[in-house]
Amino acid sequence: MKRAFFVIGLFLFLAMVLAGCGSARRGEPLTGAFEPQNEVAARGQLVFMKYCNQCHPKGEAGLGPSLNNKPLPGFLMKFQVRNGLGAMPSFPPSHISDQELDDLIAYLKALRHHKAESR
């Protein structure tokens, strides 16, 4: 039992360390419309708009933190969505299916790499 708590604690610590190593996008607003370049990311955008956009508007900080500057790998993002942490609720498969979660992660990765259009 102690080992399980240690492993979970270590995992959460590493996730927080990685989250603190955000990219240069921190605070940089997205300009121009973001259009997903593939069908998977487009489906993920629909999932994002239904479940996530209220707290993370366009991936930026709102009630929740910005998602655009988190270099977390997909499996950690899935863990966060499924289990929630802090004020974030969990989204079990009864709310977001495994396929929808895969699509959501594809969208978040595409959104993260979206380049601001030059004006």
C-alpha atoms as a PDB file:
ATOM      1  CA  MET A   1       0.000   0.000   0.000  1.00  0.00           C
ATOM      2  CA  LYS A   2       2.832   2.417   0.863  1.00  0.00           C
ATOM      3  CA  ARG A   3       4.540   1.583  -2.414  1.00  0.00           C
ATOM      4  CA  ALA A   4       1.372   2.414  -4.376  1.00  0.00           C
ATOM      5  CA  PHE A   5       1.141   5.825  -2.686  1.00  0.00           C
ATOM      6  CA  PHE A   6       4.830   6.423  -3.409  1.00  0.00           C
ATOM      7  CA  VAL A   7       4.405   5.545  -7.085  1.00  0.00           C
ATOM      8  CA  ILE A   8       1.312   7.741  -7.431  1.00  0.00           C
ATOM      9  CA  GLY A   9       3.063  10.593  -5.617  1.00  0.00           C
ATOM     10  CA  LEU A  10       6.132  10.263  -7.818  1.00  0.00           C
ATOM     11  CA  PHE A  11       3.959  10.195 -10.929  1.00  0.00           C
ATOM     12  CA  LEU A  12       2.096  13.343  -9.860  1.00  0.00           C
ATOM     13  CA  PHE A  13       5.360  15.089  -8.977  1.00  0.00           C
ATOM     14  CA  LEU A  14       6.809  14.313 -12.404  1.00  0.00           C
ATOM     15  CA  ALA A  15       3.614  15.507 -14.090  1.00  0.00           C
ATOM     16  CA  MET A  16       3.818  18.816 -12.231  1.00  0.00           C
ATOM     17  CA  VAL A  17       7.496  19.233 -13.101  1.00  0.00           C
ATOM     18  CA  LEU A  18       6.735  18.627 -16.781  1.00  0.00           C
ATOM     19  CA  ALA A  19       3.785  21.002 -16.651  1.00  0.00           C
ATOM     20  CA  GLY A  20       6.035  23.709 -15.232  1.00  0.00           C
ATOM     21  CA  CYS A  21       8.371  23.406 -18.212  1.00  0.00           C
ATOM     22  CA  GLY A  22       5.915  25.024 -20.602  1.00  0.00           C
ATOM     23  CA  SER A  23       6.779  26.252 -24.044  1.00  0.00           C
ATOM     24  CA  ALA A  24       7.209  29.856 -25.130  1.00  0.00           C
ATOM     25  CA  ARG A  25       3.472  29.987 -25.957  1.00  0.00           C
ATOM     26  CA  ARG A  26       2.641  30.921 -22.361  1.00  0.00           C
ATOM     27  CA  GLY A  27       0.330  33.908 -22.423  1.00  0.00           C
ATOM     28  CA  GLU A  28       0.565  34.283 -26.198  1.00  0.00           C
ATOM     29  CA  PRO A  29      -2.959  34.523 -27.580  1.00  0.00           C
ATOM     30  CA  LEU A  30      -3.878  32.533 -30.643  1.00  0.00           C
ATOM     31  CA  THR A  31      -4.624  34.720 -33.621  1.00  0.00           C
ATOM     32  CA  GLY A  32      -6.687  33.684 -36.526  1.00  0.00           C
ATOM     33  CA  ALA A  33      -9.057  30.766 -36.626  1.00  0.00           C
ATOM     34  CA  PHE A  34      -7.632  27.374 -35.827  1.00  0.00           C
ATOM     35  CA  GLU A  35      -8.820  24.770 -38.289  1.00  0.00           C
ATOM     36  CA  PRO A  36      -7.865  21.155 -37.525  1.00  0.00           C
ATOM     37  CA  GLN A  37      -5.939  19.661 -40.430  1.00  0.00           C
ATOM     38  CA  ASN A  38      -7.319  16.122 -40.131  1.00  0.00           C
ATOM     39  CA  GLU A  39     -10.548  14.348 -39.281  1.00  0.00           C
ATOM     40  CA  VAL A  40      -9.305  13.014 -35.931  1.00  0.00           C
ATOM     41  CA  ALA A  41      -8.391  16.488 -34.650  1.00  0.00           C
ATOM     42  CA  ALA A  42     -11.682  17.852 -36.004  1.00  0.00           C
ATOM     43  CA  ARG A  43     -13.619  15.260 -33.978  1.00  0.00           C
ATOM     44  CA  GLY A  44     -11.431  16.119 -30.990  1.00  0.00           C
ATOM     45  CA  GLN A  45     -12.359  19.775 -31.395  1.00  0.00           C
ATOM     46  CA  LEU A  46     -16.030  18.830 -30.994  1.00  0.00           C
ATOM     47  CA  VAL A  47     -15.227  16.940 -27.787  1.00  0.00           C
ATOM     48  CA  PHE A  48     -13.155  19.888 -26.538  1.00  0.00           C
ATOM     49  CA  MET A  49     -15.951  22.376 -27.226  1.00  0.00           C
ATOM     50  CA  LYS A  50     -18.468  20.188 -25.394  1.00  0.00           C
ATOM     51  CA  TYR A  51     -16.435  19.350 -22.272  1.00  0.00           C
ATOM     52  CA  CYS A  52     -13.348  21.577 -21.991  1.00  0.00           C
ATOM     53  CA  ASN A  53     -13.828  24.976 -23.594  1.00  0.00           C
ATOM     54  CA  GLN A  54     -15.872  26.329 -20.681  1.00  0.00           C
ATOM     55  CA  CYS A  55     -12.817  26.217 -18.377  1.00  0.00           C
ATOM     56  CA  HIS A  56     -10.004  26.354 -20.969  1.00  0.00           C
ATOM     57  CA  PRO A  57     -11.332  28.780 -23.633  1.00  0.00           C
ATOM     58  CA  LYS A  58      -9.550  28.055 -26.925  1.00  0.00           C
ATOM     59  CA  GLY A  59      -6.926  26.209 -24.865  1.00  0.00           C
ATOM     60  CA  GLU A  60      -5.974  29.359 -22.951  1.00  0.00           C
ATOM     61  CA  ALA A  61      -6.364  30.016 -19.232  1.00  0.00           C
ATOM     62  CA  GLY A  62      -9.867  30.642 -17.962  1.00  0.00           C
ATOM     63  CA  LEU A  63     -11.297  28.952 -14.898  1.00  0.00           C
ATOM     64  CA  GLY A  64      -8.678  26.290 -15.612  1.00  0.00           C
ATOM     65  CA  PRO A  65      -5.044  26.741 -16.636  1.00  0.00           C
ATOM     66  CA  SER A  66      -3.809  27.168 -20.184  1.00  0.00           C
ATOM     67  CA  LEU A  67      -3.424  23.924 -22.116  1.00  0.00           C
ATOM     68  CA  ASN A  68      -1.403  25.398 -24.971  1.00  0.00           C
ATOM     69  CA  ASN A  69       1.836  25.497 -23.006  1.00  0.00           C
ATOM     70  CA  LYS A  70       1.748  22.047 -21.442  1.00  0.00           C
ATOM     71  CA  PRO A  71       4.368  19.721 -22.927  1.00  0.00           C
ATOM     72  CA  LEU A  72       2.738  16.677 -21.361  1.00  0.00           C
ATOM     73  CA  PRO A  73       2.752  13.478 -23.408  1.00  0.00           C
ATOM     74  CA  GLY A  74      -0.583  12.053 -24.487  1.00  0.00           C
ATOM     75  CA  PHE A  75      -0.777   9.368 -21.798  1.00  0.00           C
ATOM     76  CA  LEU A  76      -0.452  11.994 -19.040  1.00  0.00           C
ATOM     77  CA  MET A  77      -3.115  14.174 -20.637  1.00  0.00           C
ATOM     78  CA  LYS A  78      -5.398  11.114 -20.757  1.00  0.00           C
ATOM     79  CA  PHE A  79      -4.664  10.413 -17.091  1.00  0.00           C
ATOM     80  CA  GLN A  80      -5.576  14.018 -16.221  1.00  0.00           C
ATOM     81  CA  VAL A  81      -8.851  13.835 -18.146  1.00  0.00           C
ATOM     82  CA  ARG A  82      -9.844  10.455 -16.706  1.00  0.00           C
ATOM     83  CA  ASN A  83      -8.859  11.184 -13.088  1.00  0.00           C
ATOM     84  CA  GLY A  84      -9.032  14.961 -12.761  1.00  0.00           C
ATOM     85  CA  LEU A  85      -6.758  16.750 -10.338  1.00  0.00           C
ATOM     86  CA  GLY A  86      -7.426  19.731  -8.118  1.00  0.00           C
ATOM     87  CA  ALA A  87     -10.539  21.565  -9.295  1.00  0.00           C
ATOM     88  CA  MET A  88     -10.699  19.644 -12.572  1.00  0.00           C
ATOM     89  CA  PRO A  89     -13.418  17.000 -12.618  1.00  0.00           C
ATOM     90  CA  SER A  90     -12.782  13.501 -13.887  1.00  0.00           C
ATOM     91  CA  PHE A  91     -14.355  12.351 -17.147  1.00  0.00           C
ATOM     92  CA  PRO A  92     -14.915   8.577 -17.062  1.00  0.00           C
ATOM     93  CA  PRO A  93     -15.638   6.559 -20.232  1.00  0.00           C
ATOM     94  CA  SER A  94     -19.357   7.068 -19.602  1.00  0.00           C
ATOM     95  CA  HIS A  95     -18.825  10.794 -20.366  1.00  0.00           C
ATOM     96  CA  ILE A  96     -15.939  10.717 -22.863  1.00  0.00           C
ATOM     97  CA  SER A  97     -15.408   7.428 -24.685  1.00  0.00           C
ATOM     98  CA  ASP A  98     -11.910   6.069 -25.284  1.00  0.00           C
ATOM     99  CA  GLN A  99     -12.187   7.030 -28.979  1.00  0.00           C
ATOM    100  CA  GLU A 100     -13.343  10.536 -28.093  1.00  0.00           C
ATOM    101  CA  LEU A 101     -10.443  10.830 -25.652  1.00  0.00           C
ATOM    102  CA  ASP A 102      -7.958   9.819 -28.363  1.00  0.00           C
ATOM    103  CA  ASP A 103      -9.521  12.427 -30.672  1.00  0.00           C
ATOM    104  CA  LEU A 104      -9.376  15.055 -27.913  1.00  0.00           C
ATOM    105  CA  ILE A 105      -5.673  14.415 -27.320  1.00  0.00           C
ATOM    106  CA  ALA A 106      -4.998  14.716 -31.068  1.00  0.00           C
ATOM    107  CA  TYR A 107      -6.816  18.064 -31.055  1.00  0.00           C
ATOM    108  CA  LEU A 108      -4.920  19.335 -28.004  1.00  0.00           C
ATOM    109  CA  LYS A 109      -1.592  18.412 -29.596  1.00  0.00           C
ATOM    110  CA  ALA A 110      -2.578  20.172 -32.834  1.00  0.00           C
ATOM    111  CA  LEU A 111      -3.767  23.222 -30.878  1.00  0.00           C
ATOM    112  CA  ARG A 112      -0.511  23.299 -28.935  1.00  0.00           C
ATOM    113  CA  HIS A 113       1.486  23.434 -32.152  1.00  0.00           C
ATOM    114  CA  HIS A 114      -0.738  25.981 -33.874  1.00  0.00           C
ATOM    115  CA  LYS A 115       1.365  28.924 -34.987  1.00  0.00           C
ATOM    116  CA  ALA A 116      -0.044  32.368 -34.538  1.00  0.00           C
ATOM    117  CA  GLU A 117      -0.711  33.981 -37.896  1.00  0.00           C
ATOM    118  CA  SER A 118       1.421  37.005 -38.616  1.00  0.00           C
ATOM    119  CA  ARG A 119      -0.485  40.240 -38.890  1.00  0.00           C
END
